[in-house]
Amino acid sequence: MPASILLERIVRSTQDDDSPENIQQCVEETYNFFVRYTPILSKDIYQLFFEEVNEQVPCSSKEH
């Protein structure tokens, strides 16, 4: 997943340098990436932001 590769790199970058300037640069880079590639990465975006959230949600009462 190209999006997850970008996010892993951004996380490493902010861990190495948590200055406001670097964080701002990382935010801008991430934003620009998603704006540019949303049409072709919609499946990746869904997996990153929704499937991981669903994995953390407790079981619903229907499953019991």
N, C-alpha and C. Protein backbone atom coordinates (compact mmCIF):
# COMPACT_ATOMS: atom_id res chain seq x y z
N MET A 1 0.83 -1.18 0.00
CA MET A 1 0.00 0.00 0.00
C MET A 1 0.88 1.24 0.00
N PRO A 2 0.83 2.02 -1.04
CA PRO A 2 1.64 3.24 -1.09
C PRO A 2 1.33 4.20 0.05
N ALA A 3 0.07 4.30 0.44
CA ALA A 3 -0.30 5.23 1.51
C ALA A 3 0.33 4.81 2.84
N SER A 4 0.34 3.54 3.13
CA SER A 4 0.94 3.10 4.39
C SER A 4 2.45 3.30 4.40
N ILE A 5 3.08 3.16 3.24
CA ILE A 5 4.52 3.42 3.15
C ILE A 5 4.81 4.88 3.45
N LEU A 6 4.01 5.77 2.88
CA LEU A 6 4.17 7.20 3.16
C LEU A 6 4.00 7.46 4.65
N LEU A 7 2.95 6.92 5.24
CA LEU A 7 2.69 7.19 6.65
C LEU A 7 3.78 6.63 7.55
N GLU A 8 4.33 5.47 7.21
CA GLU A 8 5.45 4.94 8.00
C GLU A 8 6.65 5.88 7.94
N ARG A 9 6.91 6.41 6.76
CA ARG A 9 8.03 7.34 6.61
C ARG A 9 7.78 8.64 7.38
N ILE A 10 6.55 9.12 7.34
CA ILE A 10 6.19 10.35 8.06
C ILE A 10 6.34 10.13 9.57
N VAL A 11 5.90 9.00 10.05
CA VAL A 11 6.04 8.70 11.49
C VAL A 11 7.51 8.68 11.89
N ARG A 12 8.34 8.02 11.10
CA ARG A 12 9.79 8.00 11.40
C ARG A 12 10.37 9.41 11.39
N SER A 13 9.96 10.19 10.41
CA SER A 13 10.48 11.55 10.31
C SER A 13 10.12 12.39 11.53
N THR A 14 8.87 12.27 11.99
CA THR A 14 8.46 13.07 13.15
C THR A 14 9.06 12.53 14.44
N GLN A 15 9.38 11.25 14.48
CA GLN A 15 10.06 10.71 15.66
C GLN A 15 11.50 11.21 15.72
N ASP A 16 12.14 11.33 14.56
CA ASP A 16 13.52 11.81 14.50
C ASP A 16 13.61 13.32 14.74
N ASP A 17 12.61 14.04 14.28
CA ASP A 17 12.63 15.50 14.37
C ASP A 17 11.21 15.99 14.62
N ASP A 18 10.91 16.32 15.88
CA ASP A 18 9.56 16.76 16.20
C ASP A 18 9.43 18.28 16.26
N SER A 19 10.28 18.95 15.53
CA SER A 19 10.20 20.42 15.48
C SER A 19 8.91 20.83 14.76
N PRO A 20 8.38 21.98 15.11
CA PRO A 20 7.17 22.46 14.43
C PRO A 20 7.33 22.55 12.91
N GLU A 21 8.51 22.92 12.47
CA GLU A 21 8.75 23.04 11.02
C GLU A 21 8.66 21.69 10.33
N ASN A 22 9.26 20.67 10.92
CA ASN A 22 9.21 19.34 10.32
C ASN A 22 7.80 18.77 10.36
N ILE A 23 7.11 18.96 11.46
CA ILE A 23 5.74 18.47 11.56
C ILE A 23 4.86 19.15 10.51
N GLN A 24 5.02 20.45 10.35
CA GLN A 24 4.25 21.16 9.33
C GLN A 24 4.57 20.62 7.94
N GLN A 25 5.82 20.38 7.66
CA GLN A 25 6.22 19.83 6.36
C GLN A 25 5.60 18.44 6.15
N CYS A 26 5.61 17.63 7.18
CA CYS A 26 5.03 16.28 7.08
C CYS A 26 3.52 16.34 6.87
N VAL A 27 2.86 17.24 7.56
CA VAL A 27 1.42 17.41 7.37
C VAL A 27 1.12 17.82 5.94
N GLU A 28 1.87 18.79 5.44
CA GLU A 28 1.65 19.25 4.06
C GLU A 28 1.92 18.14 3.06
N GLU A 29 2.98 17.38 3.28
CA GLU A 29 3.31 16.29 2.36
C GLU A 29 2.21 15.23 2.36
N THR A 30 1.72 14.88 3.54
CA THR A 30 0.66 13.89 3.64
C THR A 30 -0.62 14.39 2.98
N TYR A 31 -0.99 15.62 3.28
CA TYR A 31 -2.19 16.21 2.68
C TYR A 31 -2.09 16.21 1.15
N ASN A 32 -0.98 16.70 0.64
CA ASN A 32 -0.80 16.77 -0.81
C ASN A 32 -0.83 15.39 -1.45
N PHE A 33 -0.25 14.41 -0.79
CA PHE A 33 -0.26 13.04 -1.30
C PHE A 33 -1.70 12.54 -1.44
N PHE A 34 -2.49 12.70 -0.37
CA PHE A 34 -3.85 12.18 -0.41
C PHE A 34 -4.73 12.97 -1.38
N VAL A 35 -4.54 14.26 -1.48
CA VAL A 35 -5.30 15.05 -2.46
C VAL A 35 -4.97 14.59 -3.87
N ARG A 36 -3.71 14.40 -4.13
CA ARG A 36 -3.29 14.03 -5.49
C ARG A 36 -3.71 12.61 -5.88
N TYR A 37 -3.61 11.68 -4.94
CA TYR A 37 -3.81 10.28 -5.28
C TYR A 37 -5.12 9.67 -4.77
N THR A 38 -6.01 10.46 -4.22
CA THR A 38 -7.28 9.92 -3.72
C THR A 38 -8.01 9.07 -4.75
N PRO A 39 -8.13 9.51 -6.00
CA PRO A 39 -8.88 8.68 -6.96
C PRO A 39 -8.31 7.27 -7.14
N ILE A 40 -7.01 7.12 -7.08
CA ILE A 40 -6.44 5.79 -7.31
C ILE A 40 -6.12 5.05 -6.01
N LEU A 41 -6.21 5.75 -4.89
CA LEU A 41 -5.89 5.11 -3.61
C LEU A 41 -7.10 4.98 -2.69
N SER A 42 -8.29 5.11 -3.21
CA SER A 42 -9.46 5.11 -2.34
C SER A 42 -9.55 3.82 -1.52
N LYS A 43 -9.17 2.69 -2.10
CA LYS A 43 -9.19 1.42 -1.35
C LYS A 43 -8.17 1.45 -0.22
N ASP A 44 -6.96 1.94 -0.49
CA ASP A 44 -5.94 2.07 0.56
C ASP A 44 -6.42 2.98 1.68
N ILE A 45 -7.01 4.11 1.30
CA ILE A 45 -7.48 5.07 2.29
C ILE A 45 -8.54 4.42 3.18
N TYR A 46 -9.45 3.71 2.57
CA TYR A 46 -10.49 3.02 3.34
C TYR A 46 -9.86 2.03 4.32
N GLN A 47 -8.92 1.23 3.85
CA GLN A 47 -8.28 0.24 4.71
C GLN A 47 -7.53 0.90 5.86
N LEU A 48 -6.83 1.99 5.58
CA LEU A 48 -6.06 2.67 6.62
C LEU A 48 -6.95 3.25 7.71
N PHE A 49 -8.04 3.89 7.31
CA PHE A 49 -8.82 4.66 8.27
C PHE A 49 -10.07 3.96 8.78
N PHE A 50 -10.56 2.94 8.09
CA PHE A 50 -11.79 2.31 8.54
C PHE A 50 -11.61 0.87 8.98
N GLU A 51 -10.83 0.08 8.29
CA GLU A 51 -10.66 -1.31 8.71
C GLU A 51 -9.89 -1.40 10.02
N GLU A 52 -8.89 -0.54 10.22
CA GLU A 52 -8.15 -0.55 11.48
C GLU A 52 -9.04 -0.12 12.63
N VAL A 53 -9.93 0.84 12.38
CA VAL A 53 -10.87 1.28 13.41
C VAL A 53 -11.81 0.14 13.75
N ASN A 54 -12.33 -0.54 12.74
CA ASN A 54 -13.27 -1.64 12.97
C ASN A 54 -12.62 -2.77 13.76
N GLU A 55 -11.33 -2.98 13.61
CA GLU A 55 -10.64 -4.02 14.36
C GLU A 55 -10.61 -3.69 15.85
N GLN A 56 -10.70 -2.42 16.20
CA GLN A 56 -10.61 -2.00 17.58
C GLN A 56 -11.98 -1.88 18.24
N VAL A 57 -13.04 -1.95 17.46
CA VAL A 57 -14.39 -1.81 17.99
C VAL A 57 -14.78 -3.12 18.67
N PRO A 58 -15.34 -3.05 19.89
CA PRO A 58 -15.76 -4.28 20.56
C PRO A 58 -16.86 -4.99 19.77
N CYS A 59 -17.03 -6.25 20.03
CA CYS A 59 -18.05 -7.04 19.34
C CYS A 59 -19.43 -6.44 19.59
N SER A 60 -20.24 -6.47 18.56
CA SER A 60 -21.61 -5.97 18.72
C SER A 60 -22.45 -7.04 19.41
N SER A 61 -23.60 -6.64 19.90
CA SER A 61 -24.48 -7.58 20.60
C SER A 61 -25.04 -8.63 19.65
N LYS A 62 -25.07 -8.35 18.35
CA LYS A 62 -25.56 -9.31 17.36
C LYS A 62 -24.67 -10.54 17.30
N GLU A 63 -23.40 -10.40 17.61
CA GLU A 63 -22.46 -11.51 17.51
C GLU A 63 -22.51 -12.42 18.72
N HIS A 64 -23.17 -12.00 19.78
CA HIS A 64 -23.20 -12.80 21.01
C HIS A 64 -24.33 -13.78 21.00
